PDB file of N, CA and C in Angstrom:
ATOM      1  N   MET A   1      -1.678  -1.209 -14.145  1.00  0.00           N
ATOM      2  CA  MET A   1      -1.661   0.221 -13.957  1.00  0.00           C
ATOM      3  C   MET A   1      -1.008   0.928 -15.131  1.00  0.00           C
ATOM      4  N   ASP A   2      -0.485   0.138 -16.040  1.00  0.00           N
ATOM      5  CA  ASP A   2       0.157   0.722 -17.204  1.00  0.00           C
ATOM      6  C   ASP A   2      -0.840   1.608 -17.946  1.00  0.00           C
ATOM      7  N   GLY A   3      -0.444   2.811 -18.242  1.00  0.00           N
ATOM      8  CA  GLY A   3      -1.331   3.744 -18.921  1.00  0.00           C
ATOM      9  C   GLY A   3      -2.112   4.631 -17.968  1.00  0.00           C
ATOM     10  N   TYR A   4      -1.941   4.446 -16.694  1.00  0.00           N
ATOM     11  CA  TYR A   4      -2.595   5.268 -15.670  1.00  0.00           C
ATOM     12  C   TYR A   4      -1.517   5.899 -14.790  1.00  0.00           C
ATOM     13  N   PRO A   5      -0.939   7.016 -15.221  1.00  0.00           N
ATOM     14  CA  PRO A   5       0.188   7.602 -14.487  1.00  0.00           C
ATOM     15  C   PRO A   5      -0.126   7.945 -13.035  1.00  0.00           C
ATOM     16  N   GLU A   6      -1.366   8.307 -12.744  1.00  0.00           N
ATOM     17  CA  GLU A   6      -1.718   8.622 -11.352  1.00  0.00           C
ATOM     18  C   GLU A   6      -1.600   7.382 -10.474  1.00  0.00           C
ATOM     19  N   ARG A   7      -2.068   6.271 -10.972  1.00  0.00           N
ATOM     20  CA  ARG A   7      -1.973   5.014 -10.215  1.00  0.00           C
ATOM     21  C   ARG A   7      -0.536   4.541 -10.113  1.00  0.00           C
ATOM     22  N   GLU A   8       0.222   4.711 -11.166  1.00  0.00           N
ATOM     23  CA  GLU A   8       1.642   4.353 -11.127  1.00  0.00           C
ATOM     24  C   GLU A   8       2.365   5.169 -10.061  1.00  0.00           C
ATOM     25  N   ALA A   9       2.023   6.451  -9.949  1.00  0.00           N
ATOM     26  CA  ALA A   9       2.663   7.319  -8.953  1.00  0.00           C
ATOM     27  C   ALA A   9       2.309   6.877  -7.533  1.00  0.00           C
ATOM     28  N   ILE A  10       1.082   6.445  -7.325  1.00  0.00           N
ATOM     29  CA  ILE A  10       0.674   5.953  -6.013  1.00  0.00           C
ATOM     30  C   ILE A  10       1.428   4.674  -5.673  1.00  0.00           C
ATOM     31  N   ALA A  11       1.471   3.758  -6.614  1.00  0.00           N
ATOM     32  CA  ALA A  11       2.194   2.503  -6.398  1.00  0.00           C
ATOM     33  C   ALA A  11       3.678   2.762  -6.145  1.00  0.00           C
ATOM     34  N   TYR A  12       4.224   3.732  -6.856  1.00  0.00           N
ATOM     35  CA  TYR A  12       5.635   4.084  -6.679  1.00  0.00           C
ATOM     36  C   TYR A  12       5.909   4.469  -5.226  1.00  0.00           C
ATOM     37  N   VAL A  13       5.062   5.292  -4.651  1.00  0.00           N
ATOM     38  CA  VAL A  13       5.264   5.735  -3.269  1.00  0.00           C
ATOM     39  C   VAL A  13       5.253   4.535  -2.319  1.00  0.00           C
ATOM     40  N   ILE A  14       4.296   3.649  -2.482  1.00  0.00           N
ATOM     41  CA  ILE A  14       4.172   2.496  -1.595  1.00  0.00           C
ATOM     42  C   ILE A  14       5.355   1.554  -1.757  1.00  0.00           C
ATOM     43  N   GLU A  15       5.722   1.273  -2.995  1.00  0.00           N
ATOM     44  CA  GLU A  15       6.848   0.356  -3.210  1.00  0.00           C
ATOM     45  C   GLU A  15       8.177   0.994  -2.836  1.00  0.00           C
ATOM     46  N   ALA A  16       8.308   2.292  -3.008  1.00  0.00           N
ATOM     47  CA  ALA A  16       9.530   2.977  -2.566  1.00  0.00           C
ATOM     48  C   ALA A  16       9.652   2.900  -1.051  1.00  0.00           C
ATOM     49  N   ALA A  17       8.522   3.007  -0.363  1.00  0.00           N
ATOM     50  CA  ALA A  17       8.547   2.884   1.101  1.00  0.00           C
ATOM     51  C   ALA A  17       9.022   1.493   1.512  1.00  0.00           C
ATOM     52  N   LEU A  18       8.511   0.463   0.851  1.00  0.00           N
ATOM     53  CA  LEU A  18       8.946  -0.905   1.154  1.00  0.00           C
ATOM     54  C   LEU A  18      10.438  -1.086   0.868  1.00  0.00           C
ATOM     55  N   ALA A  19      10.872  -0.614  -0.286  1.00  0.00           N
ATOM     56  CA  ALA A  19      12.283  -0.767  -0.666  1.00  0.00           C
ATOM     57  C   ALA A  19      13.201   0.012   0.278  1.00  0.00           C
ATOM     58  N   THR A  20      12.783   1.197   0.652  1.00  0.00           N
ATOM     59  CA  THR A  20      13.583   2.029   1.551  1.00  0.00           C
ATOM     60  C   THR A  20      13.665   1.392   2.932  1.00  0.00           C
ATOM     61  N   TYR A  21      12.537   0.907   3.429  1.00  0.00           N
ATOM     62  CA  TYR A  21      12.565   0.251   4.730  1.00  0.00           C
ATOM     63  C   TYR A  21      13.439  -0.996   4.685  1.00  0.00           C
ATOM     64  N   ASN A  22      13.295  -1.794   3.651  1.00  0.00           N
ATOM     65  CA  ASN A  22      14.121  -2.991   3.511  1.00  0.00           C
ATOM     66  C   ASN A  22      15.603  -2.622   3.524  1.00  0.00           C
ATOM     67  N   TYR A  23      15.953  -1.580   2.810  1.00  0.00           N
ATOM     68  CA  TYR A  23      17.341  -1.108   2.780  1.00  0.00           C
ATOM     69  C   TYR A  23      17.812  -0.721   4.184  1.00  0.00           C
ATOM     70  N   SER A  24      16.938  -0.059   4.935  1.00  0.00           N
ATOM     71  CA  SER A  24      17.304   0.384   6.278  1.00  0.00           C
ATOM     72  C   SER A  24      17.524  -0.782   7.241  1.00  0.00           C
ATOM     73  N   THR A  25      16.991  -1.947   6.902  1.00  0.00           N
ATOM     74  CA  THR A  25      17.172  -3.139   7.742  1.00  0.00           C
ATOM     75  C   THR A  25      18.350  -3.984   7.276  1.00  0.00           C
ATOM     76  N   ASN A  26      19.134  -3.458   6.359  1.00  0.00           N
ATOM     77  CA  ASN A  26      20.241  -4.221   5.757  1.00  0.00           C
ATOM     78  C   ASN A  26      19.720  -5.480   5.075  1.00  0.00           C
ATOM     79  N   ASP A  27      18.609  -5.320   4.372  1.00  0.00           N
ATOM     80  CA  ASP A  27      18.000  -6.397   3.579  1.00  0.00           C
ATOM     81  C   ASP A  27      17.572  -7.604   4.418  1.00  0.00           C
ATOM     82  N   ARG A  28      17.070  -7.346   5.611  1.00  0.00           N
ATOM     83  CA  ARG A  28      16.579  -8.439   6.457  1.00  0.00           C
ATOM     84  C   ARG A  28      15.206  -8.928   6.033  1.00  0.00           C
ATOM     85  N   MET A  29      14.467  -8.095   5.305  1.00  0.00           N
ATOM     86  CA  MET A  29      13.117  -8.489   4.897  1.00  0.00           C
ATOM     87  C   MET A  29      13.148  -9.564   3.825  1.00  0.00           C
ATOM     88  N   ARG A  30      12.085 -10.336   3.809  1.00  0.00           N
ATOM     89  CA  ARG A  30      11.848 -11.308   2.748  1.00  0.00           C
ATOM     90  C   ARG A  30      10.532 -10.912   2.071  1.00  0.00           C
ATOM     91  N   ASP A  31      10.272 -11.506   0.949  1.00  0.00           N
ATOM     92  CA  ASP A  31       9.024 -11.209   0.241  1.00  0.00           C
ATOM     93  C   ASP A  31       7.802 -11.453   1.121  1.00  0.00           C
ATOM     94  N   ASP A  32       7.838 -12.505   1.931  1.00  0.00           N
ATOM     95  CA  ASP A  32       6.708 -12.794   2.820  1.00  0.00           C
ATOM     96  C   ASP A  32       6.444 -11.635   3.781  1.00  0.00           C
ATOM     97  N   ASP A  33       7.500 -10.938   4.209  1.00  0.00           N
ATOM     98  CA  ASP A  33       7.324  -9.781   5.092  1.00  0.00           C
ATOM     99  C   ASP A  33       6.622  -8.642   4.353  1.00  0.00           C
ATOM    100  N   ALA A  34       7.035  -8.376   3.133  1.00  0.00           N
ATOM    101  CA  ALA A  34       6.394  -7.327   2.334  1.00  0.00           C
ATOM    102  C   ALA A  34       4.923  -7.668   2.085  1.00  0.00           C
ATOM    103  N   ILE A  35       4.643  -8.923   1.819  1.00  0.00           N
ATOM    104  CA  ILE A  35       3.267  -9.366   1.600  1.00  0.00           C
ATOM    105  C   ILE A  35       2.451  -9.188   2.876  1.00  0.00           C
ATOM    106  N   ARG A  36       3.020  -9.519   4.003  1.00  0.00           N
ATOM    107  CA  ARG A  36       2.301  -9.347   5.280  1.00  0.00           C
ATOM    108  C   ARG A  36       2.022  -7.869   5.538  1.00  0.00           C
ATOM    109  N   ILE A  37       2.958  -7.000   5.203  1.00  0.00           N
ATOM    110  CA  ILE A  37       2.735  -5.561   5.361  1.00  0.00           C
ATOM    111  C   ILE A  37       1.571  -5.113   4.473  1.00  0.00           C
ATOM    112  N   MET A  38       1.493  -5.639   3.257  1.00  0.00           N
ATOM    113  CA  MET A  38       0.362  -5.311   2.377  1.00  0.00           C
ATOM    114  C   MET A  38      -0.953  -5.777   2.997  1.00  0.00           C
ATOM    115  N   GLU A  39      -0.964  -6.961   3.596  1.00  0.00           N
ATOM    116  CA  GLU A  39      -2.172  -7.458   4.252  1.00  0.00           C
ATOM    117  C   GLU A  39      -2.572  -6.547   5.413  1.00  0.00           C
ATOM    118  N   MET A  40      -1.599  -6.053   6.136  1.00  0.00           N
ATOM    119  CA  MET A  40      -1.868  -5.139   7.239  1.00  0.00           C
ATOM    120  C   MET A  40      -2.431  -3.818   6.707  1.00  0.00           C
ATOM    121  N   LEU A  41      -1.956  -3.380   5.553  1.00  0.00           N
ATOM    122  CA  LEU A  41      -2.507  -2.168   4.940  1.00  0.00           C
ATOM    123  C   LEU A  41      -3.963  -2.382   4.535  1.00  0.00           C
ATOM    124  N   PHE A  42      -4.276  -3.582   4.032  1.00  0.00           N
ATOM    125  CA  PHE A  42      -5.678  -3.916   3.744  1.00  0.00           C
ATOM    126  C   PHE A  42      -6.515  -3.829   5.017  1.00  0.00           C
ATOM    127  N   ASP A  43      -5.991  -4.393   6.090  1.00  0.00           N
ATOM    128  CA  ASP A  43      -6.717  -4.347   7.357  1.00  0.00           C
ATOM    129  C   ASP A  43      -7.018  -2.909   7.757  1.00  0.00           C
ATOM    130  N   THR A  44      -6.047  -2.032   7.563  1.00  0.00           N
ATOM    131  CA  THR A  44      -6.199  -0.633   7.948  1.00  0.00           C
ATOM    132  C   THR A  44      -7.152   0.108   7.036  1.00  0.00           C
ATOM    133  N   TYR A  45      -6.911   0.024   5.725  1.00  0.00           N
ATOM    134  CA  TYR A  45      -7.660   0.858   4.788  1.00  0.00           C
ATOM    135  C   TYR A  45      -8.986   0.255   4.335  1.00  0.00           C
ATOM    136  N   TYR A  46      -9.091  -1.047   4.308  1.00  0.00           N
ATOM    137  CA  TYR A  46     -10.336  -1.662   3.851  1.00  0.00           C
ATOM    138  C   TYR A  46     -11.244  -2.051   5.026  1.00  0.00           C
ATOM    139  N   PHE A  47     -10.646  -2.692   6.028  1.00  0.00           N
ATOM    140  CA  PHE A  47     -11.437  -3.199   7.143  1.00  0.00           C
ATOM    141  C   PHE A  47     -11.468  -2.264   8.354  1.00  0.00           C
ATOM    142  N   ASN A  48     -10.692  -1.174   8.311  1.00  0.00           N
ATOM    143  CA  ASN A  48     -10.626  -0.213   9.426  1.00  0.00           C
ATOM    144  C   ASN A  48     -10.230  -0.879  10.741  1.00  0.00           C
ATOM    145  N   GLU A  49      -9.300  -1.811  10.670  1.00  0.00           N
ATOM    146  CA  GLU A  49      -8.861  -2.527  11.861  1.00  0.00           C
ATOM    147  C   GLU A  49      -7.531  -1.972  12.355  1.00  0.00           C
ATOM    148  N   ALA A  50      -7.396  -1.888  13.655  1.00  0.00           N
ATOM    149  CA  ALA A  50      -6.128  -1.504  14.279  1.00  0.00           C
ATOM    150  C   ALA A  50      -5.242  -2.741  14.387  1.00  0.00           C
ATOM    151  N   HIS A  51      -3.965  -2.519  14.536  1.00  0.00           N
ATOM    152  CA  HIS A  51      -3.019  -3.642  14.616  1.00  0.00           C
ATOM    153  C   HIS A  51      -2.438  -3.775  16.003  1.00  0.00           C
ATOM    154  N   ILE A  52      -2.326  -5.005  16.421  1.00  0.00           N
ATOM    155  CA  ILE A  52      -1.615  -5.328  17.645  1.00  0.00           C
ATOM    156  C   ILE A  52      -0.375  -6.096  17.206  1.00  0.00           C
ATOM    157  N   PHE A  53       0.768  -5.512  17.468  1.00  0.00           N
ATOM    158  CA  PHE A  53       2.020  -6.135  17.040  1.00  0.00           C
ATOM    159  C   PHE A  53       2.548  -6.987  18.184  1.00  0.00           C
ATOM    160  N   GLU A  54       2.764  -8.224  17.892  1.00  0.00           N
ATOM    161  CA  GLU A  54       3.163  -9.184  18.918  1.00  0.00           C
ATOM    162  C   GLU A  54       4.661  -9.458  18.860  1.00  0.00           C
ATOM    163  N   GLY A  55       5.440  -8.410  19.021  1.00  0.00           N
ATOM    164  CA  GLY A  55       6.880  -8.587  19.118  1.00  0.00           C
ATOM    165  C   GLY A  55       7.625  -8.693  17.805  1.00  0.00           C
ATOM    166  N   ASN A  56       6.956  -8.508  16.679  1.00  0.00           N
ATOM    167  CA  ASN A  56       7.656  -8.562  15.404  1.00  0.00           C
ATOM    168  C   ASN A  56       7.990  -7.135  14.965  1.00  0.00           C
ATOM    169  N   GLY A  57       9.132  -6.650  15.429  1.00  0.00           N
ATOM    170  CA  GLY A  57       9.552  -5.290  15.134  1.00  0.00           C
ATOM    171  C   GLY A  57       9.780  -5.038  13.659  1.00  0.00           C
ATOM    172  N   LEU A  58      10.222  -6.057  12.934  1.00  0.00           N
ATOM    173  CA  LEU A  58      10.464  -5.902  11.505  1.00  0.00           C
ATOM    174  C   LEU A  58       9.165  -5.534  10.786  1.00  0.00           C
ATOM    175  N   LEU A  59       8.100  -6.274  11.070  1.00  0.00           N
ATOM    176  CA  LEU A  59       6.809  -5.982  10.436  1.00  0.00           C
ATOM    177  C   LEU A  59       6.205  -4.691  10.966  1.00  0.00           C
ATOM    178  N   GLU A  60       6.273  -4.486  12.257  1.00  0.00           N
ATOM    179  CA  GLU A  60       5.696  -3.279  12.848  1.00  0.00           C
ATOM    180  C   GLU A  60       6.337  -2.022  12.272  1.00  0.00           C
ATOM    181  N   ASN A  61       7.650  -1.996  12.228  1.00  0.00           N
ATOM    182  CA  ASN A  61       8.348  -0.816  11.708  1.00  0.00           C
ATOM    183  C   ASN A  61       8.163  -0.661  10.202  1.00  0.00           C
ATOM    184  N   GLY A  62       8.082  -1.775   9.482  1.00  0.00           N
ATOM    185  CA  GLY A  62       7.831  -1.706   8.043  1.00  0.00           C
ATOM    186  C   GLY A  62       6.458  -1.156   7.748  1.00  0.00           C
ATOM    187  N   TYR A  63       5.471  -1.629   8.482  1.00  0.00           N
ATOM    188  CA  TYR A  63       4.103  -1.126   8.344  1.00  0.00           C
ATOM    189  C   TYR A  63       4.061   0.369   8.637  1.00  0.00           C
ATOM    190  N   LYS A  64       4.670   0.780   9.736  1.00  0.00           N
ATOM    191  CA  LYS A  64       4.682   2.192  10.107  1.00  0.00           C
ATOM    192  C   LYS A  64       5.384   3.039   9.061  1.00  0.00           C
ATOM    193  N   CYS A  65       6.450   2.522   8.476  1.00  0.00           N
ATOM    194  CA  CYS A  65       7.173   3.240   7.422  1.00  0.00           C
ATOM    195  C   CYS A  65       6.262   3.480   6.219  1.00  0.00           C
ATOM    196  N   VAL A  66       5.577   2.446   5.772  1.00  0.00           N
ATOM    197  CA  VAL A  66       4.697   2.584   4.609  1.00  0.00           C
ATOM    198  C   VAL A  66       3.537   3.526   4.929  1.00  0.00           C
ATOM    199  N   ILE A  67       2.951   3.391   6.099  1.00  0.00           N
ATOM    200  CA  ILE A  67       1.866   4.294   6.505  1.00  0.00           C
ATOM    201  C   ILE A  67       2.351   5.742   6.513  1.00  0.00           C
ATOM    202  N   ASP A  68       3.553   5.971   7.020  1.00  0.00           N
ATOM    203  CA  ASP A  68       4.100   7.333   7.043  1.00  0.00           C
ATOM    204  C   ASP A  68       4.259   7.888   5.630  1.00  0.00           C
ATOM    205  N   TYR A  69       4.758   7.072   4.716  1.00  0.00           N
ATOM    206  CA  TYR A  69       4.895   7.510   3.322  1.00  0.00           C
ATOM    207  C   TYR A  69       3.532   7.847   2.724  1.00  0.00           C
ATOM    208  N   ILE A  70       2.541   6.996   2.985  1.00  0.00           N
ATOM    209  CA  ILE A  70       1.208   7.234   2.446  1.00  0.00           C
ATOM    210  C   ILE A  70       0.645   8.548   2.992  1.00  0.00           C
ATOM    211  N   ARG A  71       0.761   8.743   4.283  1.00  0.00           N
ATOM    212  CA  ARG A  71       0.217   9.961   4.899  1.00  0.00           C
ATOM    213  C   ARG A  71       0.942  11.212   4.424  1.00  0.00           C
ATOM    214  N   GLN A  72       2.242  11.097   4.231  1.00  0.00           N
ATOM    215  CA  GLN A  72       3.031  12.254   3.820  1.00  0.00           C
ATOM    216  C   GLN A  72       2.880  12.551   2.327  1.00  0.00           C
ATOM    217  N   ASP A  73       2.966  11.532   1.498  1.00  0.00           N
ATOM    218  CA  ASP A  73       3.037  11.741   0.050  1.00  0.00           C
ATOM    219  C   ASP A  73       1.713  11.555  -0.682  1.00  0.00           C
ATOM    220  N   LEU A  74       0.727  10.931  -0.024  1.00  0.00           N
ATOM    221  CA  LEU A  74      -0.537  10.634  -0.705  1.00  0.00           C
ATOM    222  C   LEU A  74      -1.750  11.067   0.113  1.00  0.00           C
ATOM    223  N   PRO A  75      -1.715  12.231   0.737  1.00  0.00           N
ATOM    224  CA  PRO A  75      -2.812  12.606   1.637  1.00  0.00           C
ATOM    225  C   PRO A  75      -4.158  12.808   0.934  1.00  0.00           C
ATOM    226  N   SER A  76      -4.138  13.130  -0.339  1.00  0.00           N
ATOM    227  CA  SER A  76      -5.399  13.418  -1.027  1.00  0.00           C
ATOM    228  C   SER A  76      -5.931  12.234  -1.839  1.00  0.00           C
ATOM    229  N   VAL A  77      -5.250  11.104  -1.789  1.00  0.00           N
ATOM    230  CA  VAL A  77      -5.713   9.928  -2.532  1.00  0.00           C
ATOM    231  C   VAL A  77      -6.913   9.327  -1.807  1.00  0.00           C
ATOM    232  N   GLU A  78      -7.969   9.105  -2.563  1.00  0.00           N
ATOM    233  CA  GLU A  78      -9.180   8.521  -1.979  1.00  0.00           C
ATOM    234  C   GLU A  78      -8.905   7.103  -1.480  1.00  0.00           C
ATOM    235  N   ARG A  79      -9.568   6.765  -0.404  1.00  0.00           N
ATOM    236  CA  ARG A  79      -9.394   5.456   0.241  1.00  0.00           C
ATOM    237  C   ARG A  79      -9.624   4.296  -0.735  1.00  0.00           C
ATOM    238  N   ASN A  80     -10.687   4.354  -1.538  1.00  0.00           N
ATOM    239  CA  ASN A  80     -10.970   3.267  -2.484  1.00  0.00           C
ATOM    240  C   ASN A  80      -9.880   3.132  -3.536  1.00  0.00           C
ATOM    241  N   GLU A  81      -9.344   4.238  -3.979  1.00  0.00           N
ATOM    242  CA  GLU A  81      -8.253   4.185  -4.954  1.00  0.00           C
ATOM    243  C   GLU A  81      -7.004   3.576  -4.320  1.00  0.00           C
ATOM    244  N   LEU A  82      -6.730   3.955  -3.110  1.00  0.00           N
ATOM    245  CA  LEU A  82      -5.579   3.411  -2.389  1.00  0.00           C
ATOM    246  C   LEU A  82      -5.721   1.903  -2.201  1.00  0.00           C
ATOM    247  N   ILE A  83      -6.905   1.459  -1.873  1.00  0.00           N
ATOM    248  CA  ILE A  83      -7.155   0.024  -1.694  1.00  0.00           C
ATOM    249  C   ILE A  83      -6.906  -0.733  -3.005  1.00  0.00           C
ATOM    250  N   LYS A  84      -7.351  -0.183  -4.120  1.00  0.00           N
ATOM    251  CA  LYS A  84      -7.112  -0.820  -5.424  1.00  0.00           C
ATOM    252  C   LYS A  84      -5.627  -0.953  -5.715  1.00  0.00           C
ATOM    253  N   ILE A  85      -4.877   0.099  -5.432  1.00  0.00           N
ATOM    254  CA  ILE A  85      -3.436   0.082  -5.711  1.00  0.00           C
ATOM    255  C   ILE A  85      -2.740  -0.911  -4.791  1.00  0.00           C
ATOM    256  N   ILE A  86      -3.090  -0.915  -3.521  1.00  0.00           N
ATOM    257  CA  ILE A  86      -2.511  -1.883  -2.588  1.00  0.00           C
ATOM    258  C   ILE A  86      -2.813  -3.299  -3.073  1.00  0.00           C
ATOM    259  N   GLY A  87      -4.019  -3.518  -3.564  1.00  0.00           N
ATOM    260  CA  GLY A  87      -4.383  -4.830  -4.093  1.00  0.00           C
ATOM    261  C   GLY A  87      -3.530  -5.243  -5.279  1.00  0.00           C
ATOM    262  N   ALA A  88      -3.269  -4.309  -6.177  1.00  0.00           N
ATOM    263  CA  ALA A  88      -2.430  -4.616  -7.338  1.00  0.00           C
ATOM    264  C   ALA A  88      -1.000  -4.935  -6.908  1.00  0.00           C
ATOM    265  N   ILE A  89      -0.475  -4.161  -5.971  1.00  0.00           N
ATOM    266  CA  ILE A  89       0.880  -4.412  -5.471  1.00  0.00           C
ATOM    267  C   ILE A  89       0.935  -5.767  -4.773  1.00  0.00           C
ATOM    268  N   TYR A  90      -0.070  -6.054  -3.979  1.00  0.00           N
ATOM    269  CA  TYR A  90      -0.165  -7.334  -3.280  1.00  0.00           C
ATOM    270  C   TYR A  90      -0.152  -8.498  -4.275  1.00  0.00           C
ATOM    271  N   PHE A  91      -0.934  -8.372  -5.345  1.00  0.00           N
ATOM    272  CA  PHE A  91      -0.980  -9.409  -6.376  1.00  0.00           C
ATOM    273  C   PHE A  91       0.403  -9.629  -6.991  1.00  0.00           C
ATOM    274  N   VAL A  92       1.085  -8.545  -7.323  1.00  0.00           N
ATOM    275  CA  VAL A  92       2.414  -8.655  -7.932  1.00  0.00           C
ATOM    276  C   VAL A  92       3.395  -9.291  -6.947  1.00  0.00           C
ATOM    277  N   ALA A  93       3.356  -8.856  -5.697  1.00  0.00           N
ATOM    278  CA  ALA A  93       4.274  -9.403  -4.693  1.00  0.00           C
ATOM    279  C   ALA A  93       4.054 -10.900  -4.508  1.00  0.00           C
ATOM    280  N   ARG A  94       2.799 -11.312  -4.424  1.00  0.00           N
ATOM    281  CA  ARG A  94       2.515 -12.747  -4.264  1.00  0.00           C
ATOM    282  C   ARG A  94       2.923 -13.534  -5.503  1.00  0.00           C
ATOM    283  N   ARG A  95       2.726 -12.949  -6.655  1.00  0.00           N
ATOM    284  CA  ARG A  95       3.079 -13.631  -7.911  1.00  0.00           C
ATOM    285  C   ARG A  95       4.589 -13.800  -8.047  1.00  0.00           C
ATOM    286  N   ARG A  96       5.336 -12.786  -7.620  1.00  0.00           N
ATOM    287  CA  ARG A  96       6.799 -12.825  -7.727  1.00  0.00           C
ATOM    288  C   ARG A  96       7.456 -13.598  -6.588  1.00  0.00           C
ATOM    289  N   ASN A  97       6.723 -13.887  -5.544  1.00  0.00           N
ATOM    290  CA  ASN A  97       7.277 -14.514  -4.353  1.00  0.00           C
ATOM    291  C   ASN A  97       7.453 -16.011  -4.550  1.00  0.00           C
ATOM    292  N   ILE A  98       8.666 -16.449  -4.390  1.00  0.00           N
ATOM    293  CA  ILE A  98       8.918 -17.886  -4.351  1.00  0.00           C
ATOM    294  C   ILE A  98       9.653 -18.230  -3.049  1.00  0.00           C
ATOM    295  N   GLY A  99       9.357 -17.421  -2.015  1.00  0.00           N
ATOM    296  CA  GLY A  99       9.884 -17.712  -0.694  1.00  0.00           C
ATOM    297  C   GLY A  99      11.179 -17.030  -0.336  1.00  0.00           C
ATOM    298  N   ARG A 100      11.613 -16.112  -1.180  1.00  0.00           N
ATOM    299  CA  ARG A 100      12.888 -15.464  -0.880  1.00  0.00           C
ATOM    300  C   ARG A 100      12.731 -13.965  -0.949  1.00  0.00           C
ATOM    301  N   ARG A 101      13.438 -13.361  -1.913  1.00  0.00           N
ATOM    302  CA  ARG A 101      13.483 -11.913  -2.015  1.00  0.00           C
ATOM    303  C   ARG A 101      13.321 -11.436  -3.458  1.00  0.00           C
ATOM    304  N   ASP A 102      12.616 -12.175  -4.256  1.00  0.00           N
ATOM    305  CA  ASP A 102      12.481 -11.822  -5.668  1.00  0.00           C
ATOM    306  C   ASP A 102      11.691 -10.531  -5.869  1.00  0.00           C
ATOM    307  N   TYR A 103      10.577 -10.393  -5.161  1.00  0.00           N
ATOM    308  CA  TYR A 103       9.777  -9.175  -5.276  1.00  0.00           C
ATOM    309  C   TYR A 103      10.573  -7.972  -4.763  1.00  0.00           C
ATOM    310  N   LEU A 104      11.198  -8.102  -3.611  1.00  0.00           N
ATOM    311  CA  LEU A 104      11.975  -6.987  -3.051  1.00  0.00           C
ATOM    312  C   LEU A 104      13.126  -6.580  -3.968  1.00  0.00           C
ATOM    313  N   ALA A 105      13.772  -7.550  -4.588  1.00  0.00           N
ATOM    314  CA  ALA A 105      14.849  -7.235  -5.546  1.00  0.00           C
ATOM    315  C   ALA A 105      14.286  -6.494  -6.751  1.00  0.00           C
ATOM    316  N   MET A 106      13.111  -6.898  -7.204  1.00  0.00           N
ATOM    317  CA  MET A 106      12.493  -6.243  -8.356  1.00  0.00           C
ATOM    318  C   MET A 106      12.165  -4.785  -8.045  1.00  0.00           C
ATOM    319  N   ILE A 107      11.546  -4.530  -6.884  1.00  0.00           N
ATOM    320  CA  ILE A 107      11.185  -3.141  -6.619  1.00  0.00           C
ATOM    321  C   ILE A 107      12.415  -2.281  -6.350  1.00  0.00           C
ATOM    322  N   ARG A 108      13.455  -2.863  -5.772  1.00  0.00           N
ATOM    323  CA  ARG A 108      14.679  -2.077  -5.595  1.00  0.00           C
ATOM    324  C   ARG A 108      15.253  -1.694  -6.954  1.00  0.00           C
ATOM    325  N   LYS A 109      15.191  -2.610  -7.894  1.00  0.00           N
ATOM    326  CA  LYS A 109      15.732  -2.354  -9.235  1.00  0.00           C
ATOM    327  C   LYS A 109      14.922  -1.283  -9.968  1.00  0.00           C
ATOM    328  N   TYR A 110      13.604  -1.382  -9.913  1.00  0.00           N
ATOM    329  CA  TYR A 110      12.760  -0.503 -10.707  1.00  0.00           C
ATOM    330  C   TYR A 110      12.271   0.745  -9.973  1.00  0.00           C
ATOM    331  N   VAL A 111      12.169   0.679  -8.667  1.00  0.00           N
ATOM    332  CA  VAL A 111      11.684   1.819  -7.904  1.00  0.00           C
ATOM    333  C   VAL A 111      12.838   2.520  -7.192  1.00  0.00           C
ATOM    334  N   GLY A 112      13.763   1.748  -6.695  1.00  0.00           N
ATOM    335  CA  GLY A 112      14.882   2.327  -5.971  1.00  0.00           C
ATOM    336  C   GLY A 112      14.538   2.558  -4.518  1.00  0.00           C
ATOM    337  N   ILE A 113      15.378   3.330  -3.869  1.00  0.00           N
ATOM    338  CA  ILE A 113      15.176   3.640  -2.459  1.00  0.00           C
ATOM    339  C   ILE A 113      15.289   5.150  -2.272  1.00  0.00           C
ATOM    340  N   ASN A 114      14.617   5.632  -1.238  1.00  0.00           N
ATOM    341  CA  ASN A 114      14.718   7.038  -0.858  1.00  0.00           C
ATOM    342  C   ASN A 114      15.550   7.101   0.407  1.00  0.00           C
ATOM    343  N   VAL A 115      16.724   7.673   0.313  1.00  0.00           N
ATOM    344  CA  VAL A 115      17.557   7.832   1.488  1.00  0.00           C
ATOM    345  C   VAL A 115      17.778   9.300   1.723  1.00  0.00           C
ATOM    346  N   GLY A 116      17.892   9.665   2.980  1.00  0.00           N
ATOM    347  CA  GLY A 116      18.153  11.052   3.313  1.00  0.00           C
ATOM    348  C   GLY A 116      16.922  11.910   3.385  1.00  0.00           C
ATOM    349  N   ASP A 117      15.731  11.290   3.416  1.00  0.00           N
ATOM    350  CA  ASP A 117      14.490  12.074   3.528  1.00  0.00           C
ATOM    351  C   ASP A 117      14.372  12.659   4.916  1.00  0.00           C
TER     352      ASP A 117
END
């Protein structure tokens, strides 16, 4: 996305939502949780599938947090563009994931968190 400020801004919103939610959980999330949330976003935006949450409040609330950020901050972004950005974020998260919190630490460092919204 380097060189495409519009795409960087979209990715920023999504990753800020993940970082902010993780912060709100006192860092209970792991990279695998963030990756699962990205997969759920694919289900929503690409496959038009609804989610049934089976007792995993961490994932359910994280998904809802990111969806809320997207709806609030990115209402005019076309669905196909959003899917591309989610895909790029997903790729980075999977690449940085070695089973712990490397991706989440990276986005906290570079994106930060939004508190007090």
